[in-house]
Amino acid sequence: MNRILDIIFVLSAGLLMLPVMILVAIAVIVLLGRPAIFVQSRAGKDQRPFRMIKFRSMSDARDSKGKLLSDEKRTTTFGRILRRSRLDELPEFWNILVGDMSLIGPRPILPETIRSLGERGVLRCSVKPGLTGWAQISGNAILTDDDKIDLDLWYIRNRSFWIDLQILIMTASVMIFGERLSESRLAAAKRKDVG
């Protein structure tokens, strides 16, 4: 997406979603504790690290020795609803506004994960990470990590305004109806050819 369109979208959507963000922040504090925001280093364009922010979706539950429980045990029903609805990602509007992210692109992942991907990781970081992307509308949590990388690389090779528009429209559908595996998109990405 064009940087100007990113800014226009984020400012417009951010103002519209501000009441929702306030309510989500209050709910996170009440149901999961403080702080409401989760911050983590992620790999940006050209592997430059940045601090991605989102609403936390896990509690700080610990075992008898004070060690954090597994992610699965710390993710509550409320946390799962936040993730499924993508409401946990609303604070990333800030990351888009300051230029660390774009509206559309591969989701930002950990720098060490990018490094472990070698040349595929370098290519994946040739564009800014996005709030939503081709993998997110093609199955997301249903996909393997390798499937997601294939879909991300397909997007990078084929990206266009029309594909970005399709991603925006399909993201709204995923938020409402949930994730569905797109076997046709995955098969095209596995072929690793253009188009």
N, C-alpha and C. Protein backbone atom coordinates (compact mmCIF):
# COMPACT_ATOMS: atom_id res chain seq x y z
N MET A 1 0.84 -1.19 0.00
CA MET A 1 0.00 0.00 0.00
C MET A 1 0.88 1.25 0.00
N ASN A 2 0.42 2.25 -0.65
CA ASN A 2 1.10 3.53 -0.69
C ASN A 2 1.13 4.14 0.71
N ARG A 3 2.26 4.75 1.05
CA ARG A 3 2.44 5.34 2.40
C ARG A 3 1.36 6.37 2.72
N ILE A 4 0.99 7.18 1.75
CA ILE A 4 -0.06 8.20 1.98
C ILE A 4 -1.39 7.52 2.29
N LEU A 5 -1.70 6.46 1.54
CA LEU A 5 -2.94 5.72 1.81
C LEU A 5 -2.91 5.06 3.18
N ASP A 6 -1.74 4.55 3.57
CA ASP A 6 -1.58 3.98 4.92
C ASP A 6 -1.95 5.01 5.98
N ILE A 7 -1.39 6.22 5.84
CA ILE A 7 -1.61 7.27 6.84
C ILE A 7 -3.08 7.69 6.86
N ILE A 8 -3.66 7.89 5.68
CA ILE A 8 -5.07 8.29 5.61
C ILE A 8 -5.95 7.23 6.26
N PHE A 9 -5.70 5.96 5.93
CA PHE A 9 -6.50 4.87 6.50
C PHE A 9 -6.36 4.82 8.01
N VAL A 10 -5.12 4.89 8.50
CA VAL A 10 -4.89 4.75 9.94
C VAL A 10 -5.50 5.92 10.72
N LEU A 11 -5.37 7.12 10.22
CA LEU A 11 -5.96 8.27 10.92
C LEU A 11 -7.48 8.17 10.93
N SER A 12 -8.07 7.79 9.79
CA SER A 12 -9.53 7.67 9.72
C SER A 12 -10.03 6.51 10.58
N ALA A 13 -9.45 5.34 10.38
CA ALA A 13 -9.89 4.15 11.13
C ALA A 13 -9.57 4.30 12.61
N GLY A 14 -8.42 4.92 12.91
CA GLY A 14 -8.03 5.11 14.31
C GLY A 14 -9.03 5.96 15.07
N LEU A 15 -9.51 7.03 14.44
CA LEU A 15 -10.51 7.88 15.10
C LEU A 15 -11.83 7.12 15.28
N LEU A 16 -12.22 6.37 14.25
CA LEU A 16 -13.47 5.60 14.34
C LEU A 16 -13.37 4.50 15.40
N MET A 17 -12.20 3.89 15.50
CA MET A 17 -12.03 2.75 16.41
C MET A 17 -11.58 3.16 17.81
N LEU A 18 -11.34 4.44 18.04
CA LEU A 18 -10.86 4.88 19.36
C LEU A 18 -11.75 4.41 20.51
N PRO A 19 -13.09 4.56 20.42
CA PRO A 19 -13.93 4.05 21.52
C PRO A 19 -13.76 2.55 21.73
N VAL A 20 -13.63 1.79 20.63
CA VAL A 20 -13.43 0.34 20.73
C VAL A 20 -12.10 0.04 21.42
N MET A 21 -11.05 0.78 21.04
CA MET A 21 -9.73 0.55 21.64
C MET A 21 -9.76 0.85 23.15
N ILE A 22 -10.48 1.89 23.54
CA ILE A 22 -10.59 2.22 24.96
C ILE A 22 -11.30 1.09 25.71
N LEU A 23 -12.39 0.59 25.13
CA LEU A 23 -13.14 -0.51 25.77
C LEU A 23 -12.29 -1.78 25.85
N VAL A 24 -11.56 -2.08 24.77
CA VAL A 24 -10.71 -3.28 24.77
C VAL A 24 -9.62 -3.13 25.83
N ALA A 25 -9.02 -1.95 25.92
CA ALA A 25 -7.96 -1.73 26.92
C ALA A 25 -8.49 -1.93 28.33
N ILE A 26 -9.68 -1.43 28.61
CA ILE A 26 -10.29 -1.60 29.94
C ILE A 26 -10.56 -3.09 30.20
N ALA A 27 -11.11 -3.78 29.19
CA ALA A 27 -11.40 -5.21 29.34
C ALA A 27 -10.13 -6.02 29.57
N VAL A 28 -9.06 -5.68 28.86
CA VAL A 28 -7.78 -6.39 29.04
C VAL A 28 -7.27 -6.19 30.47
N ILE A 29 -7.32 -4.97 30.97
CA ILE A 29 -6.85 -4.69 32.33
C ILE A 29 -7.68 -5.46 33.36
N VAL A 30 -8.99 -5.47 33.18
CA VAL A 30 -9.88 -6.14 34.13
C VAL A 30 -9.72 -7.67 34.06
N LEU A 31 -9.66 -8.22 32.85
CA LEU A 31 -9.67 -9.68 32.68
C LEU A 31 -8.29 -10.34 32.63
N LEU A 32 -7.27 -9.58 32.20
CA LEU A 32 -5.94 -10.17 32.06
C LEU A 32 -4.88 -9.48 32.92
N GLY A 33 -5.18 -8.29 33.39
CA GLY A 33 -4.23 -7.56 34.21
C GLY A 33 -3.47 -6.49 33.44
N ARG A 34 -2.61 -5.82 34.15
CA ARG A 34 -1.80 -4.75 33.56
C ARG A 34 -0.46 -5.30 33.13
N PRO A 35 0.19 -4.68 32.16
CA PRO A 35 -0.30 -3.59 31.31
C PRO A 35 -1.23 -4.13 30.23
N ALA A 36 -2.03 -3.23 29.64
CA ALA A 36 -2.95 -3.64 28.58
C ALA A 36 -2.22 -3.89 27.27
N ILE A 37 -1.06 -3.27 27.12
CA ILE A 37 -0.30 -3.33 25.87
C ILE A 37 0.86 -4.33 25.98
N PHE A 38 1.04 -5.10 24.93
CA PHE A 38 2.15 -6.05 24.81
C PHE A 38 3.11 -5.47 23.77
N VAL A 39 4.40 -5.39 24.12
CA VAL A 39 5.41 -4.85 23.22
C VAL A 39 6.47 -5.91 22.97
N GLN A 40 6.83 -6.08 21.70
CA GLN A 40 7.83 -7.10 21.36
C GLN A 40 8.62 -6.66 20.13
N SER A 41 9.91 -7.00 20.12
CA SER A 41 10.75 -6.68 18.97
C SER A 41 10.39 -7.60 17.81
N ARG A 42 10.17 -7.00 16.64
CA ARG A 42 9.87 -7.75 15.42
C ARG A 42 10.78 -7.26 14.30
N ALA A 43 10.91 -8.07 13.26
CA ALA A 43 11.75 -7.71 12.12
C ALA A 43 10.94 -6.90 11.12
N GLY A 44 11.45 -5.72 10.78
CA GLY A 44 10.79 -4.87 9.81
C GLY A 44 11.44 -4.98 8.44
N LYS A 45 11.20 -3.98 7.61
CA LYS A 45 11.79 -3.95 6.27
C LYS A 45 13.31 -3.99 6.38
N ASP A 46 13.93 -4.79 5.52
CA ASP A 46 15.38 -4.99 5.51
C ASP A 46 15.91 -5.52 6.85
N GLN A 47 15.03 -6.25 7.57
CA GLN A 47 15.35 -6.89 8.84
C GLN A 47 15.64 -5.90 9.97
N ARG A 48 15.27 -4.65 9.77
CA ARG A 48 15.46 -3.66 10.83
C ARG A 48 14.46 -3.94 11.96
N PRO A 49 14.97 -4.14 13.19
CA PRO A 49 14.04 -4.43 14.29
C PRO A 49 13.22 -3.19 14.69
N PHE A 50 11.99 -3.43 15.09
CA PHE A 50 11.15 -2.35 15.63
C PHE A 50 10.29 -2.93 16.74
N ARG A 51 9.72 -2.06 17.55
CA ARG A 51 8.90 -2.48 18.68
C ARG A 51 7.43 -2.48 18.27
N MET A 52 6.90 -3.68 18.05
CA MET A 52 5.49 -3.81 17.68
C MET A 52 4.63 -3.81 18.93
N ILE A 53 3.53 -3.07 18.86
CA ILE A 53 2.63 -3.01 20.02
C ILE A 53 1.27 -3.60 19.66
N LYS A 54 0.69 -4.27 20.62
CA LYS A 54 -0.66 -4.81 20.45
C LYS A 54 -1.28 -4.98 21.83
N PHE A 55 -2.56 -5.24 21.88
CA PHE A 55 -3.19 -5.54 23.16
C PHE A 55 -2.76 -6.94 23.59
N ARG A 56 -2.46 -7.08 24.85
CA ARG A 56 -2.07 -8.42 25.31
C ARG A 56 -3.27 -9.34 25.29
N SER A 57 -3.01 -10.61 25.02
CA SER A 57 -4.10 -11.59 24.94
C SER A 57 -3.85 -12.78 25.86
N MET A 58 -2.81 -12.68 26.69
CA MET A 58 -2.50 -13.76 27.63
C MET A 58 -2.35 -13.18 29.04
N SER A 59 -2.66 -13.99 30.02
CA SER A 59 -2.47 -13.59 31.41
C SER A 59 -1.01 -13.83 31.82
N ASP A 60 -0.69 -13.44 33.04
CA ASP A 60 0.64 -13.69 33.59
C ASP A 60 0.63 -14.88 34.55
N ALA A 61 -0.28 -15.83 34.32
CA ALA A 61 -0.42 -16.99 35.21
C ALA A 61 0.90 -17.76 35.32
N ARG A 62 1.24 -18.13 36.55
CA ARG A 62 2.51 -18.81 36.82
C ARG A 62 2.27 -20.07 37.64
N ASP A 63 3.25 -20.97 37.60
CA ASP A 63 3.16 -22.19 38.39
C ASP A 63 3.61 -21.89 39.82
N SER A 64 3.67 -22.93 40.66
CA SER A 64 4.01 -22.76 42.08
C SER A 64 5.43 -22.25 42.28
N LYS A 65 6.30 -22.41 41.27
CA LYS A 65 7.68 -21.93 41.38
C LYS A 65 7.86 -20.54 40.80
N GLY A 66 6.75 -19.94 40.33
CA GLY A 66 6.82 -18.59 39.78
C GLY A 66 7.16 -18.53 38.30
N LYS A 67 7.22 -19.69 37.65
CA LYS A 67 7.53 -19.73 36.22
C LYS A 67 6.24 -19.55 35.41
N LEU A 68 6.33 -18.73 34.34
CA LEU A 68 5.16 -18.52 33.49
C LEU A 68 4.65 -19.85 32.93
N LEU A 69 3.33 -20.02 32.93
CA LEU A 69 2.73 -21.20 32.33
C LEU A 69 2.87 -21.11 30.81
N SER A 70 2.57 -22.20 30.11
CA SER A 70 2.67 -22.22 28.65
C SER A 70 1.71 -21.20 28.05
N ASP A 71 1.99 -20.78 26.81
CA ASP A 71 1.11 -19.82 26.12
C ASP A 71 -0.32 -20.33 26.09
N GLU A 72 -0.48 -21.62 25.82
CA GLU A 72 -1.83 -22.20 25.73
C GLU A 72 -2.59 -22.05 27.04
N LYS A 73 -1.91 -22.29 28.17
CA LYS A 73 -2.57 -22.20 29.48
C LYS A 73 -2.83 -20.75 29.88
N ARG A 74 -2.06 -19.83 29.35
CA ARG A 74 -2.24 -18.42 29.71
C ARG A 74 -3.21 -17.69 28.77
N THR A 75 -3.62 -18.35 27.69
CA THR A 75 -4.56 -17.73 26.76
C THR A 75 -5.98 -18.07 27.19
N THR A 76 -6.70 -17.07 27.62
CA THR A 76 -8.07 -17.25 28.12
C THR A 76 -9.06 -17.21 26.95
N THR A 77 -10.31 -17.48 27.25
CA THR A 77 -11.36 -17.37 26.23
C THR A 77 -11.40 -15.95 25.69
N PHE A 78 -11.28 -14.97 26.58
CA PHE A 78 -11.27 -13.57 26.16
C PHE A 78 -10.08 -13.31 25.22
N GLY A 79 -8.93 -13.86 25.55
CA GLY A 79 -7.75 -13.69 24.70
C GLY A 79 -7.94 -14.29 23.33
N ARG A 80 -8.59 -15.47 23.28
CA ARG A 80 -8.86 -16.11 21.99
C ARG A 80 -9.83 -15.28 21.15
N ILE A 81 -10.83 -14.68 21.82
CA ILE A 81 -11.79 -13.81 21.11
C ILE A 81 -11.06 -12.59 20.55
N LEU A 82 -10.17 -12.01 21.36
CA LEU A 82 -9.39 -10.86 20.88
C LEU A 82 -8.61 -11.20 19.63
N ARG A 83 -7.95 -12.35 19.65
CA ARG A 83 -7.12 -12.75 18.51
C ARG A 83 -7.98 -13.07 17.28
N ARG A 84 -9.07 -13.82 17.49
CA ARG A 84 -9.92 -14.20 16.36
C ARG A 84 -10.51 -12.97 15.69
N SER A 85 -10.92 -12.00 16.48
CA SER A 85 -11.53 -10.78 15.94
C SER A 85 -10.49 -9.79 15.43
N ARG A 86 -9.22 -10.03 15.73
CA ARG A 86 -8.09 -9.15 15.37
C ARG A 86 -8.09 -7.84 16.15
N LEU A 87 -8.93 -7.73 17.16
CA LEU A 87 -8.96 -6.51 17.97
C LEU A 87 -7.66 -6.32 18.74
N ASP A 88 -6.93 -7.41 19.00
CA ASP A 88 -5.65 -7.27 19.71
C ASP A 88 -4.63 -6.50 18.89
N GLU A 89 -4.85 -6.39 17.58
CA GLU A 89 -3.88 -5.74 16.70
C GLU A 89 -4.14 -4.25 16.47
N LEU A 90 -5.22 -3.72 17.03
CA LEU A 90 -5.54 -2.31 16.81
C LEU A 90 -4.41 -1.34 17.20
N PRO A 91 -3.66 -1.59 18.29
CA PRO A 91 -2.57 -0.65 18.60
C PRO A 91 -1.49 -0.57 17.53
N GLU A 92 -1.45 -1.55 16.62
CA GLU A 92 -0.47 -1.51 15.55
C GLU A 92 -0.72 -0.37 14.58
N PHE A 93 -1.87 0.30 14.70
CA PHE A 93 -2.10 1.52 13.92
C PHE A 93 -0.95 2.49 14.18
N TRP A 94 -0.45 2.51 15.42
CA TRP A 94 0.67 3.40 15.74
C TRP A 94 1.91 3.01 14.94
N ASN A 95 2.19 1.69 14.86
CA ASN A 95 3.34 1.22 14.09
C ASN A 95 3.24 1.63 12.62
N ILE A 96 2.01 1.64 12.10
CA ILE A 96 1.81 2.07 10.70
C ILE A 96 2.03 3.57 10.60
N LEU A 97 1.48 4.32 11.54
CA LEU A 97 1.59 5.78 11.51
C LEU A 97 3.04 6.25 11.53
N VAL A 98 3.88 5.59 12.34
CA VAL A 98 5.30 6.01 12.44
C VAL A 98 6.16 5.39 11.34
N GLY A 99 5.58 4.53 10.51
CA GLY A 99 6.31 4.01 9.35
C GLY A 99 7.02 2.68 9.54
N ASP A 100 6.84 2.02 10.69
CA ASP A 100 7.45 0.71 10.89
C ASP A 100 6.72 -0.38 10.12
N MET A 101 5.43 -0.17 9.91
CA MET A 101 4.59 -1.16 9.25
C MET A 101 3.76 -0.49 8.18
N SER A 102 3.13 -1.32 7.35
CA SER A 102 2.17 -0.86 6.36
C SER A 102 0.84 -1.53 6.67
N LEU A 103 -0.20 -1.08 6.02
CA LEU A 103 -1.50 -1.71 6.23
C LEU A 103 -1.49 -3.15 5.69
N ILE A 104 -0.88 -3.34 4.51
CA ILE A 104 -0.83 -4.65 3.87
C ILE A 104 0.62 -5.11 3.73
N GLY A 105 0.86 -6.36 4.07
CA GLY A 105 2.20 -6.93 3.93
C GLY A 105 2.30 -8.19 4.78
N PRO A 106 3.40 -8.90 4.70
CA PRO A 106 3.57 -10.07 5.57
C PRO A 106 3.53 -9.64 7.04
N ARG A 107 2.91 -10.43 7.89
CA ARG A 107 2.86 -10.09 9.31
C ARG A 107 4.28 -10.06 9.88
N PRO A 108 4.57 -9.08 10.76
CA PRO A 108 5.91 -9.02 11.35
C PRO A 108 6.18 -10.19 12.28
N ILE A 109 7.35 -10.81 12.13
CA ILE A 109 7.72 -11.93 12.99
C ILE A 109 9.03 -11.64 13.69
N LEU A 110 9.41 -12.52 14.59
CA LEU A 110 10.59 -12.31 15.42
C LEU A 110 11.87 -12.26 14.58
N PRO A 111 12.82 -11.40 14.94
CA PRO A 111 14.08 -11.30 14.18
C PRO A 111 14.81 -12.64 14.08
N GLU A 112 14.80 -13.44 15.15
CA GLU A 112 15.50 -14.73 15.11
C GLU A 112 14.82 -15.71 14.15
N THR A 113 13.49 -15.60 14.01
CA THR A 113 12.78 -16.44 13.05
C THR A 113 13.17 -16.06 11.63
N ILE A 114 13.25 -14.75 11.37
CA ILE A 114 13.66 -14.27 10.04
C ILE A 114 15.07 -14.77 9.73
N ARG A 115 15.99 -14.66 10.69
CA ARG A 115 17.37 -15.11 10.47
C ARG A 115 17.42 -16.61 10.15
N SER A 116 16.57 -17.38 10.81
CA SER A 116 16.58 -18.83 10.60
C SER A 116 16.07 -19.22 9.20
N LEU A 117 15.39 -18.31 8.53
CA LEU A 117 14.84 -18.59 7.20
C LEU A 117 15.85 -18.36 6.08
N GLY A 118 17.01 -17.81 6.41
CA GLY A 118 18.05 -17.59 5.41
C GLY A 118 17.60 -16.64 4.31
N GLU A 119 17.78 -17.08 3.05
CA GLU A 119 17.44 -16.24 1.89
C GLU A 119 15.95 -15.92 1.83
N ARG A 120 15.13 -16.89 2.25
CA ARG A 120 13.67 -16.64 2.27
C ARG A 120 13.32 -15.54 3.27
N GLY A 121 14.04 -15.49 4.38
CA GLY A 121 13.83 -14.44 5.36
C GLY A 121 14.23 -13.08 4.83
N VAL A 122 15.34 -13.03 4.10
CA VAL A 122 15.79 -11.77 3.49
C VAL A 122 14.75 -11.26 2.51
N LEU A 123 14.24 -12.16 1.66
CA LEU A 123 13.22 -11.77 0.68
C LEU A 123 11.94 -11.34 1.37
N ARG A 124 11.55 -12.05 2.41
CA ARG A 124 10.33 -11.71 3.13
C ARG A 124 10.41 -10.31 3.73
N CYS A 125 11.61 -9.88 4.09
CA CYS A 125 11.80 -8.55 4.69
C CYS A 125 12.14 -7.48 3.64
N SER A 126 11.90 -7.79 2.37
CA SER A 126 12.17 -6.79 1.33
C SER A 126 11.04 -5.77 1.23
N VAL A 127 9.94 -6.02 1.94
CA VAL A 127 8.83 -5.06 2.02
C VAL A 127 8.51 -4.83 3.50
N LYS A 128 7.78 -3.75 3.78
CA LYS A 128 7.36 -3.51 5.16
C LYS A 128 6.37 -4.58 5.60
N PRO A 129 6.44 -4.99 6.85
CA PRO A 129 5.42 -5.91 7.36
C PRO A 129 4.07 -5.20 7.43
N GLY A 130 3.00 -5.98 7.45
CA GLY A 130 1.67 -5.39 7.41
C GLY A 130 0.78 -5.78 8.57
N LEU A 131 -0.28 -5.00 8.72
CA LEU A 131 -1.31 -5.30 9.71
C LEU A 131 -2.06 -6.56 9.30
N THR A 132 -2.24 -6.73 8.00
CA THR A 132 -2.86 -7.93 7.45
C THR A 132 -2.18 -8.27 6.14
N GLY A 133 -2.34 -9.51 5.71
CA GLY A 133 -1.64 -9.91 4.50
C GLY A 133 -2.25 -11.13 3.83
N TRP A 134 -1.59 -11.60 2.80
CA TRP A 134 -2.07 -12.71 1.98
C TRP A 134 -2.23 -13.99 2.80
N ALA A 135 -1.29 -14.26 3.70
CA ALA A 135 -1.39 -15.46 4.54
C ALA A 135 -2.57 -15.36 5.51
N GLN A 136 -2.85 -14.14 5.98
CA GLN A 136 -3.92 -13.96 6.96
C GLN A 136 -5.30 -14.21 6.35
N ILE A 137 -5.46 -13.97 5.05
CA ILE A 137 -6.77 -14.22 4.42
C ILE A 137 -6.82 -15.60 3.77
N SER A 138 -5.74 -16.36 3.92
CA SER A 138 -5.67 -17.67 3.26
C SER A 138 -5.67 -18.84 4.23
N GLY A 139 -5.85 -18.56 5.50
CA GLY A 139 -5.91 -19.64 6.48
C GLY A 139 -5.25 -19.30 7.81
N ASN A 140 -4.24 -18.45 7.80
CA ASN A 140 -3.54 -17.96 8.97
C ASN A 140 -3.22 -19.06 10.00
N ALA A 141 -3.97 -19.13 11.08
CA ALA A 141 -3.67 -20.08 12.17
C ALA A 141 -3.81 -21.54 11.72
N ILE A 142 -4.54 -21.77 10.64
CA ILE A 142 -4.72 -23.13 10.13
C ILE A 142 -3.47 -23.58 9.37
N LEU A 143 -2.68 -22.62 8.90
CA LEU A 143 -1.51 -22.90 8.07
C LEU A 143 -0.29 -23.28 8.89
N THR A 144 0.63 -24.01 8.26
CA THR A 144 1.94 -24.24 8.88
C THR A 144 2.79 -22.99 8.68
N ASP A 145 3.87 -22.87 9.45
CA ASP A 145 4.76 -21.72 9.28
C ASP A 145 5.33 -21.68 7.87
N ASP A 146 5.65 -22.84 7.31
CA ASP A 146 6.20 -22.91 5.95
C ASP A 146 5.17 -22.44 4.92
N ASP A 147 3.89 -22.81 5.13
CA ASP A 147 2.81 -22.35 4.25
C ASP A 147 2.71 -20.83 4.28
N LYS A 148 2.79 -20.26 5.48
CA LYS A 148 2.69 -18.80 5.61
C LYS A 148 3.82 -18.11 4.86
N ILE A 149 5.03 -18.65 4.99
CA ILE A 149 6.18 -18.05 4.29
C ILE A 149 5.96 -18.13 2.78
N ASP A 150 5.49 -19.29 2.27
CA ASP A 150 5.22 -19.43 0.84
C ASP A 150 4.20 -18.39 0.37
N LEU A 151 3.14 -18.19 1.15
CA LEU A 151 2.11 -17.21 0.80
C LEU A 151 2.67 -15.79 0.85
N ASP A 152 3.48 -15.50 1.87
CA ASP A 152 4.09 -14.17 1.97
C ASP A 152 4.97 -13.88 0.76
N LEU A 153 5.77 -14.87 0.36
CA LEU A 153 6.67 -14.68 -0.77
C LEU A 153 5.89 -14.56 -2.09
N TRP A 154 4.78 -15.30 -2.20
CA TRP A 154 3.92 -15.14 -3.38
C TRP A 154 3.42 -13.70 -3.45
N TYR A 155 2.96 -13.18 -2.30
CA TYR A 155 2.46 -11.80 -2.27
C TYR A 155 3.55 -10.82 -2.71
N ILE A 156 4.75 -10.98 -2.20
CA ILE A 156 5.84 -10.06 -2.54
C ILE A 156 6.12 -10.08 -4.04
N ARG A 157 6.06 -11.25 -4.65
CA ARG A 157 6.33 -11.36 -6.10
C ARG A 157 5.19 -10.82 -6.94
N ASN A 158 3.97 -10.83 -6.41
CA ASN A 158 2.79 -10.50 -7.22
C ASN A 158 2.02 -9.28 -6.75
N ARG A 159 2.48 -8.58 -5.76
CA ARG A 159 1.68 -7.52 -5.14
C ARG A 159 1.27 -6.44 -6.13
N SER A 160 0.08 -5.94 -5.88
CA SER A 160 -0.49 -4.88 -6.71
C SER A 160 -1.57 -4.19 -5.91
N PHE A 161 -2.04 -3.07 -6.40
CA PHE A 161 -3.14 -2.35 -5.73
C PHE A 161 -4.36 -3.25 -5.62
N TRP A 162 -4.65 -4.03 -6.68
CA TRP A 162 -5.86 -4.88 -6.68
C TRP A 162 -5.74 -6.03 -5.70
N ILE A 163 -4.56 -6.58 -5.57
CA ILE A 163 -4.37 -7.65 -4.57
C ILE A 163 -4.51 -7.06 -3.16
N ASP A 164 -3.93 -5.87 -2.95
CA ASP A 164 -4.07 -5.21 -1.64
C ASP A 164 -5.54 -4.94 -1.32
N LEU A 165 -6.30 -4.50 -2.32
CA LEU A 165 -7.73 -4.24 -2.12
C LEU A 165 -8.46 -5.53 -1.76
N GLN A 166 -8.11 -6.63 -2.44
CA GLN A 166 -8.71 -7.93 -2.15
C GLN A 166 -8.39 -8.34 -0.71
N ILE A 167 -7.15 -8.11 -0.29
CA ILE A 167 -6.75 -8.46 1.09
C ILE A 167 -7.57 -7.67 2.10
N LEU A 168 -7.77 -6.37 1.86
CA LEU A 168 -8.58 -5.55 2.77
C LEU A 168 -10.00 -6.08 2.90
N ILE A 169 -10.62 -6.37 1.77
CA ILE A 169 -12.00 -6.86 1.77
C ILE A 169 -12.09 -8.22 2.46
N MET A 170 -11.16 -9.12 2.13
CA MET A 170 -11.18 -10.45 2.72
C MET A 170 -10.84 -10.43 4.21
N THR A 171 -10.03 -9.46 4.65
CA THR A 171 -9.72 -9.35 6.08
C THR A 171 -10.99 -9.09 6.88
N ALA A 172 -11.86 -8.22 6.36
CA ALA A 172 -13.14 -7.95 7.03
C ALA A 172 -13.96 -9.23 7.12
N SER A 173 -13.95 -10.03 6.06
CA SER A 173 -14.69 -11.29 6.05
C SER A 173 -14.14 -12.26 7.10
N VAL A 174 -12.79 -12.34 7.19
CA VAL A 174 -12.17 -13.23 8.18
C VAL A 174 -12.53 -12.78 9.60
N MET A 175 -12.56 -11.47 9.83
CA MET A 175 -12.89 -10.96 11.17
C MET A 175 -14.32 -11.35 11.56
N ILE A 176 -15.21 -11.38 10.58
CA ILE A 176 -16.62 -11.68 10.87
C ILE A 176 -16.89 -13.19 10.89
N PHE A 177 -16.38 -13.90 9.88
CA PHE A 177 -16.75 -15.31 9.71
C PHE A 177 -15.68 -16.31 10.15
N GLY A 178 -14.49 -15.82 10.48
CA GLY A 178 -13.43 -16.71 10.93
C GLY A 178 -12.53 -17.15 9.78
N GLU A 179 -11.48 -17.86 10.14
CA GLU A 179 -10.47 -18.28 9.17
C GLU A 179 -10.90 -19.51 8.40
N ARG A 180 -10.58 -19.49 7.10
CA ARG A 180 -10.83 -20.65 6.24
C ARG A 180 -9.60 -20.86 5.37
N LEU A 181 -9.22 -22.09 5.21
CA LEU A 181 -8.07 -22.42 4.39
C LEU A 181 -8.42 -22.21 2.91
N SER A 182 -7.56 -21.46 2.21
CA SER A 182 -7.71 -21.28 0.77
C SER A 182 -6.71 -22.20 0.08
N GLU A 183 -7.19 -23.36 -0.34
CA GLU A 183 -6.30 -24.32 -0.98
C GLU A 183 -5.77 -23.82 -2.31
N SER A 184 -6.58 -23.03 -3.03
CA SER A 184 -6.13 -22.52 -4.34
C SER A 184 -4.99 -21.51 -4.17
N ARG A 185 -5.09 -20.60 -3.18
CA ARG A 185 -4.01 -19.64 -2.95
C ARG A 185 -2.75 -20.35 -2.48
N LEU A 186 -2.93 -21.34 -1.61
CA LEU A 186 -1.78 -22.08 -1.10
C LEU A 186 -1.09 -22.86 -2.22
N ALA A 187 -1.89 -23.48 -3.09
CA ALA A 187 -1.31 -24.24 -4.21
C ALA A 187 -0.53 -23.31 -5.13
N ALA A 188 -1.07 -22.11 -5.40
CA ALA A 188 -0.37 -21.14 -6.25
C ALA A 188 0.94 -20.71 -5.60
N ALA A 189 0.92 -20.52 -4.31
CA ALA A 189 2.15 -20.11 -3.59
C ALA A 189 3.17 -21.22 -3.59
N LYS A 190 2.74 -22.45 -3.50
CA LYS A 190 3.66 -23.59 -3.50
C LYS A 190 4.32 -23.78 -4.85
N ARG A 191 3.63 -23.35 -5.93
CA ARG A 191 4.23 -23.47 -7.26
C ARG A 191 5.40 -22.50 -7.45
N LYS A 192 5.40 -21.44 -6.61
CA LYS A 192 6.49 -20.45 -6.60
C LYS A 192 6.69 -19.79 -7.97
N ASP A 193 5.60 -19.71 -8.74
CA ASP A 193 5.72 -18.98 -9.99
C ASP A 193 4.94 -17.69 -9.91
N VAL A 194 5.11 -16.81 -10.82
CA VAL A 194 4.42 -15.52 -10.81
C VAL A 194 3.01 -15.74 -11.28
N GLY A 195 2.05 -15.08 -10.57
CA GLY A 195 0.66 -15.09 -10.99
C GLY A 195 -0.17 -16.15 -10.42
